[in-house]
Amino acid sequence: MLGEDPSQGAVTVDEPTKVLISRPEEVTHLVCCRDEVWRVAFCGAESHEINMAAERLCAMCVEVVLRVDPRFYERQPILCAKDRLPCPTEHEVNLRVIDEIGP
């Protein structure tokens, strides 16, 4: 993210908010696609990593999503568990991931 340092009159680059990892064997947590910052998962866990290769989801995250919306996994297209609007496409999610990990 770009920002201006008023004392220097120069543009600075902030650190990325997330680190992209590839660990298929690890359990990954779910965040809401609508959250402004992808830091706190549905189960309350906090992370600075995005694991797109994960093959297993946190059972507590899934439980919370299903408590909020029992039909979450049945609908096509998938609707956001929080506001019942269509979730972003895979392409839109990938663009968001790039924003999250980019400087």
C-alpha atoms as a PDB file:
ATOM      1  CA  MET A   1       0.000   0.000   0.000  1.00  0.00           C
ATOM      2  CA  LEU A   2       1.371   3.414  -0.872  1.00  0.00           C
ATOM      3  CA  GLY A   3       1.438   6.282   1.535  1.00  0.00           C
ATOM      4  CA  GLU A   4       3.032   9.693   1.743  1.00  0.00           C
ATOM      5  CA  ASP A   5       5.467  10.590   4.489  1.00  0.00           C
ATOM      6  CA  PRO A   6       4.750  14.286   5.110  1.00  0.00           C
ATOM      7  CA  SER A   7       8.102  14.861   6.828  1.00  0.00           C
ATOM      8  CA  GLN A   8      10.046  13.573   3.827  1.00  0.00           C
ATOM      9  CA  GLY A   9       7.737  14.599   1.022  1.00  0.00           C
ATOM     10  CA  ALA A  10       8.264  11.129  -0.466  1.00  0.00           C
ATOM     11  CA  VAL A  11       6.111   8.117  -1.200  1.00  0.00           C
ATOM     12  CA  THR A  12       6.700   5.074   1.031  1.00  0.00           C
ATOM     13  CA  VAL A  13       5.633   1.446   0.611  1.00  0.00           C
ATOM     14  CA  ASP A  14       3.981  -0.283   3.558  1.00  0.00           C
ATOM     15  CA  GLU A  15       4.627  -3.920   4.375  1.00  0.00           C
ATOM     16  CA  PRO A  16       2.215  -6.516   2.924  1.00  0.00           C
ATOM     17  CA  THR A  17      -0.537  -7.551   5.316  1.00  0.00           C
ATOM     18  CA  LYS A  18      -0.288 -11.261   4.490  1.00  0.00           C
ATOM     19  CA  VAL A  19       2.224 -13.903   3.466  1.00  0.00           C
ATOM     20  CA  LEU A  20       1.240 -16.451   0.820  1.00  0.00           C
ATOM     21  CA  ILE A  21       2.173 -20.003   1.822  1.00  0.00           C
ATOM     22  CA  SER A  22       1.710 -23.418   0.221  1.00  0.00           C
ATOM     23  CA  ARG A  23       1.223 -26.097   2.869  1.00  0.00           C
ATOM     24  CA  PRO A  24      -1.440 -28.585   1.706  1.00  0.00           C
ATOM     25  CA  GLU A  25      -1.035 -30.689   4.853  1.00  0.00           C
ATOM     26  CA  GLU A  26      -2.037 -27.839   7.195  1.00  0.00           C
ATOM     27  CA  VAL A  27      -5.556 -27.009   8.281  1.00  0.00           C
ATOM     28  CA  THR A  28      -6.615 -23.578   7.063  1.00  0.00           C
ATOM     29  CA  HIS A  29      -9.103 -21.154   8.524  1.00  0.00           C
ATOM     30  CA  LEU A  30     -11.962 -19.441   6.714  1.00  0.00           C
ATOM     31  CA  VAL A  31     -12.387 -15.685   6.546  1.00  0.00           C
ATOM     32  CA  CYS A  32     -15.350 -13.815   5.146  1.00  0.00           C
ATOM     33  CA  CYS A  33     -14.825 -12.566   1.607  1.00  0.00           C
ATOM     34  CA  ARG A  34     -16.414  -9.276   2.675  1.00  0.00           C
ATOM     35  CA  ASP A  35     -14.090  -8.564   5.610  1.00  0.00           C
ATOM     36  CA  GLU A  36     -12.014  -5.465   5.016  1.00  0.00           C
ATOM     37  CA  VAL A  37      -8.955  -7.185   6.501  1.00  0.00           C
ATOM     38  CA  TRP A  38      -8.486 -10.948   6.267  1.00  0.00           C
ATOM     39  CA  ARG A  39      -6.955 -11.409   9.680  1.00  0.00           C
ATOM     40  CA  VAL A  40      -9.596 -12.975  11.965  1.00  0.00           C
ATOM     41  CA  ALA A  41     -11.208 -16.234  10.863  1.00  0.00           C
ATOM     42  CA  PHE A  42     -14.781 -17.296  11.573  1.00  0.00           C
ATOM     43  CA  CYS A  43     -13.505 -19.329  14.555  1.00  0.00           C
ATOM     44  CA  GLY A  44     -11.648 -16.321  15.970  1.00  0.00           C
ATOM     45  CA  ALA A  45      -8.135 -17.465  15.019  1.00  0.00           C
ATOM     46  CA  GLU A  46      -5.818 -14.703  13.803  1.00  0.00           C
ATOM     47  CA  SER A  47      -3.283 -15.211  11.027  1.00  0.00           C
ATOM     48  CA  HIS A  48      -0.946 -13.289   8.758  1.00  0.00           C
ATOM     49  CA  GLU A  49      -0.816 -16.129   6.217  1.00  0.00           C
ATOM     50  CA  ILE A  50      -2.934 -17.182   3.244  1.00  0.00           C
ATOM     51  CA  ASN A  51      -2.706 -20.888   2.453  1.00  0.00           C
ATOM     52  CA  MET A  52      -4.298 -21.433  -0.961  1.00  0.00           C
ATOM     53  CA  ALA A  53      -2.978 -25.022  -1.101  1.00  0.00           C
ATOM     54  CA  ALA A  54      -4.724 -26.253   2.046  1.00  0.00           C
ATOM     55  CA  GLU A  55      -6.805 -29.374   1.626  1.00  0.00           C
ATOM     56  CA  ARG A  56      -8.471 -29.312   5.060  1.00  0.00           C
ATOM     57  CA  LEU A  57     -10.628 -26.625   6.624  1.00  0.00           C
ATOM     58  CA  CYS A  58     -10.801 -25.711  10.294  1.00  0.00           C
ATOM     59  CA  ALA A  59     -13.768 -27.601  11.752  1.00  0.00           C
ATOM     60  CA  MET A  60     -14.605 -24.706  14.068  1.00  0.00           C
ATOM     61  CA  CYS A  61     -14.731 -22.259  11.121  1.00  0.00           C
ATOM     62  CA  VAL A  62     -17.047 -24.614   9.219  1.00  0.00           C
ATOM     63  CA  GLU A  63     -19.225 -25.006  12.315  1.00  0.00           C
ATOM     64  CA  VAL A  64     -19.588 -21.229  12.707  1.00  0.00           C
ATOM     65  CA  VAL A  65     -20.433 -20.772   9.010  1.00  0.00           C
ATOM     66  CA  LEU A  66     -23.060 -23.524   9.191  1.00  0.00           C
ATOM     67  CA  ARG A  67     -24.526 -22.068  12.372  1.00  0.00           C
ATOM     68  CA  VAL A  68     -24.946 -18.711  10.606  1.00  0.00           C
ATOM     69  CA  ASP A  69     -26.159 -20.286   7.352  1.00  0.00           C
ATOM     70  CA  PRO A  70     -27.034 -24.015   7.498  1.00  0.00           C
ATOM     71  CA  ARG A  71     -27.368 -24.204   3.695  1.00  0.00           C
ATOM     72  CA  PHE A  72     -24.066 -22.463   2.916  1.00  0.00           C
ATOM     73  CA  TYR A  73     -22.482 -25.420   1.114  1.00  0.00           C
ATOM     74  CA  GLU A  74     -25.696 -26.410  -0.722  1.00  0.00           C
ATOM     75  CA  ARG A  75     -26.228 -23.228  -2.753  1.00  0.00           C
ATOM     76  CA  GLN A  76     -24.889 -22.483  -6.202  1.00  0.00           C
ATOM     77  CA  PRO A  77     -23.617 -19.887  -6.597  1.00  0.00           C
ATOM     78  CA  ILE A  78     -22.180 -19.749  -3.100  1.00  0.00           C
ATOM     79  CA  LEU A  79     -23.680 -16.912  -1.079  1.00  0.00           C
ATOM     80  CA  CYS A  80     -21.851 -15.053   1.671  1.00  0.00           C
ATOM     81  CA  ALA A  81     -22.716 -16.536   5.061  1.00  0.00           C
ATOM     82  CA  LYS A  82     -22.992 -13.046   6.531  1.00  0.00           C
ATOM     83  CA  ASP A  83     -25.079 -11.093   4.024  1.00  0.00           C
ATOM     84  CA  ARG A  84     -26.393 -13.776   1.609  1.00  0.00           C
ATOM     85  CA  LEU A  85     -25.042 -11.919  -1.442  1.00  0.00           C
ATOM     86  CA  PRO A  86     -23.038 -13.846  -4.063  1.00  0.00           C
ATOM     87  CA  CYS A  87     -19.438 -14.463  -3.023  1.00  0.00           C
ATOM     88  CA  PRO A  88     -16.725 -13.127  -5.335  1.00  0.00           C
ATOM     89  CA  THR A  89     -15.594 -15.284  -8.222  1.00  0.00           C
ATOM     90  CA  GLU A  90     -12.365 -17.259  -7.928  1.00  0.00           C
ATOM     91  CA  HIS A  91     -10.717 -14.625 -10.133  1.00  0.00           C
ATOM     92  CA  GLU A  92     -11.847 -11.817  -7.808  1.00  0.00           C
ATOM     93  CA  VAL A  93     -10.564 -13.757  -4.780  1.00  0.00           C
ATOM     94  CA  ASN A  94      -7.199 -14.256  -6.505  1.00  0.00           C
ATOM     95  CA  LEU A  95      -6.995 -10.505  -7.160  1.00  0.00           C
ATOM     96  CA  ARG A  96      -7.755  -9.872  -3.491  1.00  0.00           C
ATOM     97  CA  VAL A  97      -5.001 -12.315  -2.478  1.00  0.00           C
ATOM     98  CA  ILE A  98      -2.548 -10.391  -4.668  1.00  0.00           C
ATOM     99  CA  ASP A  99      -3.598  -7.173  -2.924  1.00  0.00           C
ATOM    100  CA  GLU A 100      -3.193  -8.797   0.502  1.00  0.00           C
ATOM    101  CA  ILE A 101       0.328 -10.101  -0.169  1.00  0.00           C
ATOM    102  CA  GLY A 102       1.611  -7.263  -2.341  1.00  0.00           C
ATOM    103  CA  PRO A 103       3.638  -4.359  -1.052  1.00  0.00           C
END
